[in-house]
Protein backbone atom coordinates (compact mmCIF):
# COMPACT_ATOMS: atom_id res chain seq x y z
CA ASP A 1 72.46 159.83 167.89
CA LEU A 2 75.79 158.23 168.82
CA GLY A 3 75.31 156.63 172.26
CA ALA A 4 78.11 155.55 174.51
CA GLU A 5 77.86 151.85 173.53
CA LYS A 6 77.99 152.66 169.79
CA PHE A 7 80.87 155.01 170.41
CA LEU A 8 82.83 152.52 172.46
CA ASP A 9 82.01 149.42 170.40
CA ILE A 10 82.26 150.89 166.91
CA LYS A 11 83.94 154.30 166.74
CA CYS A 12 86.74 153.56 169.19
CA ARG A 13 87.53 150.22 167.65
CA MET A 14 87.65 151.58 164.12
CA ALA A 15 89.65 154.61 165.09
CA GLY A 16 91.93 152.85 167.50
CA LEU A 17 90.80 155.00 170.46
CA HIS A 18 91.14 153.82 174.02
CA PRO A 19 89.23 156.07 176.45
CA ASN A 20 90.47 156.34 180.03
CA ALA A 21 87.13 157.47 181.49
CA VAL A 22 83.60 158.36 180.64
CA VAL A 23 81.60 161.49 181.59
CA ILE A 24 77.84 161.03 181.57
CA VAL A 25 75.96 164.38 181.47
CA ALA A 26 72.47 164.31 182.83
CA THR A 27 69.79 166.84 183.74
CA VAL A 28 67.00 166.79 186.34
CA ARG A 29 64.66 167.46 183.41
CA ALA A 30 65.76 164.30 181.60
CA LEU A 31 65.59 162.19 184.75
CA LYS A 32 61.99 163.44 185.44
CA TYR A 33 61.10 162.76 181.85
CA ASN A 34 62.43 159.14 182.22
CA GLY A 35 60.29 159.02 185.38
CA GLY A 36 57.11 159.66 183.37
CA VAL A 37 56.64 163.46 183.38
CA ALA A 38 55.20 165.02 180.22
CA LYS A 39 57.46 167.54 178.45
CA ALA A 40 55.02 170.32 179.28
CA ASP A 41 55.50 169.63 183.03
CA LEU A 42 59.24 169.32 183.25
CA ASN A 43 59.58 172.81 184.80
CA ASN A 44 57.53 171.80 187.79
CA GLU A 45 59.07 170.11 190.84
CA ASN A 46 58.24 166.40 190.83
CA LEU A 47 60.33 164.40 193.32
CA GLU A 48 58.34 161.22 192.76
CA ALA A 49 59.05 161.18 188.94
CA LEU A 50 62.64 162.20 189.56
CA GLU A 51 63.13 159.24 191.86
CA LYS A 52 61.56 156.94 189.26
CA GLY A 53 64.01 158.31 186.58
CA ILE A 54 67.21 157.97 188.54
CA PRO A 55 67.55 154.20 187.98
CA ASN A 56 67.89 154.98 184.24
CA LEU A 57 71.03 157.06 184.95
CA LEU A 58 72.37 154.29 187.32
CA ARG A 59 71.93 151.73 184.54
CA HIS A 60 74.14 153.80 182.24
CA VAL A 61 76.78 154.08 184.96
CA ASN A 62 76.63 150.38 185.60
CA THR A 63 77.13 149.62 181.91
CA ILE A 64 80.15 151.86 181.69
CA LYS A 65 81.75 150.53 184.87
CA ASN A 66 80.82 146.81 184.58
CA VAL A 67 80.77 146.13 180.86
CA TYR A 68 83.44 148.50 179.64
CA LYS A 69 85.42 148.56 182.86
CA LEU A 70 85.96 152.35 182.68
CA PRO A 71 85.74 154.89 185.50
CA CYS A 72 82.68 157.03 185.23
CA VAL A 73 81.91 160.58 186.32
CA VAL A 74 78.38 161.96 186.22
CA ALA A 75 77.88 165.71 185.68
CA ILE A 76 74.51 167.23 186.44
CA ASN A 77 73.73 170.22 184.20
CA ALA A 78 71.21 172.08 186.33
CA PHE A 79 68.56 174.46 184.94
CA PRO A 80 67.12 177.47 186.89
CA THR A 81 63.84 175.54 187.15
CA ASP A 82 65.48 172.76 189.09
CA THR A 83 64.76 173.04 192.78
CA LYS A 84 67.14 172.53 195.64
CA ALA A 85 65.04 169.53 196.69
CA GLU A 86 65.47 167.99 193.27
CA LEU A 87 69.23 168.42 193.16
CA ASP A 88 69.48 167.16 196.75
CA LEU A 89 67.48 164.06 195.79
CA VAL A 90 69.79 163.29 192.85
CA GLU A 91 72.78 163.60 195.10
CA ALA A 92 71.24 161.50 197.84
CA LYS A 93 70.21 158.73 195.46
CA THR A 94 73.61 158.35 193.74
CA ASN A 95 75.39 155.12 194.75
CA PRO A 96 78.45 155.92 196.93
CA ASP A 97 80.26 152.95 195.18
CA PHE A 98 80.58 155.02 192.08
CA LEU A 99 82.62 158.13 191.52
CA TYR A 100 80.24 161.06 190.97
CA LEU A 101 81.13 164.57 190.28
CA LEU A 102 78.04 166.59 190.55
CA LEU A 103 78.46 169.82 188.64
CA TYR A 104 75.79 172.44 188.89
CA PHE A 105 75.69 174.98 186.12
CA LEU A 106 73.12 177.72 186.18
CA ARG A 107 71.91 178.63 182.73
CA LYS A 108 72.05 182.33 181.95
CA GLU A 109 70.52 183.97 178.88
CA THR A 110 73.80 183.77 176.86
CA SER A 111 76.42 182.02 178.98
CA PHE A 112 77.08 179.50 181.70
CA ALA A 113 78.29 180.48 185.14
CA PRO A 114 79.47 178.07 187.88
C-alpha cells in the first residue's frame, strides 16, 4: 500500500514530481469502519460510528494541508447502502476552512453513474 506520505516523501522526490494538489477519496463505509463498526455491519446506518470515524479523514486532510502545504479535495464515493442521513452528516462535519468537493457516485452493477 502506497499511502500519501510515502508517495509524497519518497516517490515524488525520487521521480522529481511536484504535485499541485491532492485528492483524498473516502467512503462512508470506511469512515464507519474507522469509527468502530464491524465489517459485517457496514451496510447498516450508524451515525454514531460515522461521526467517530470522520476525525480520521480530517487528520489526513490536515497532514496534506499543513505538512505538505498542498490544496486538498475530498471525494466521497457513495455506495447504494449509504443513507441520506450518513451523507448529510459527512457534509455537515467537514471543516469549512478546507476545500471539499463531495462527489457522490452511485454504484451500479457494471458501471458508475453520477
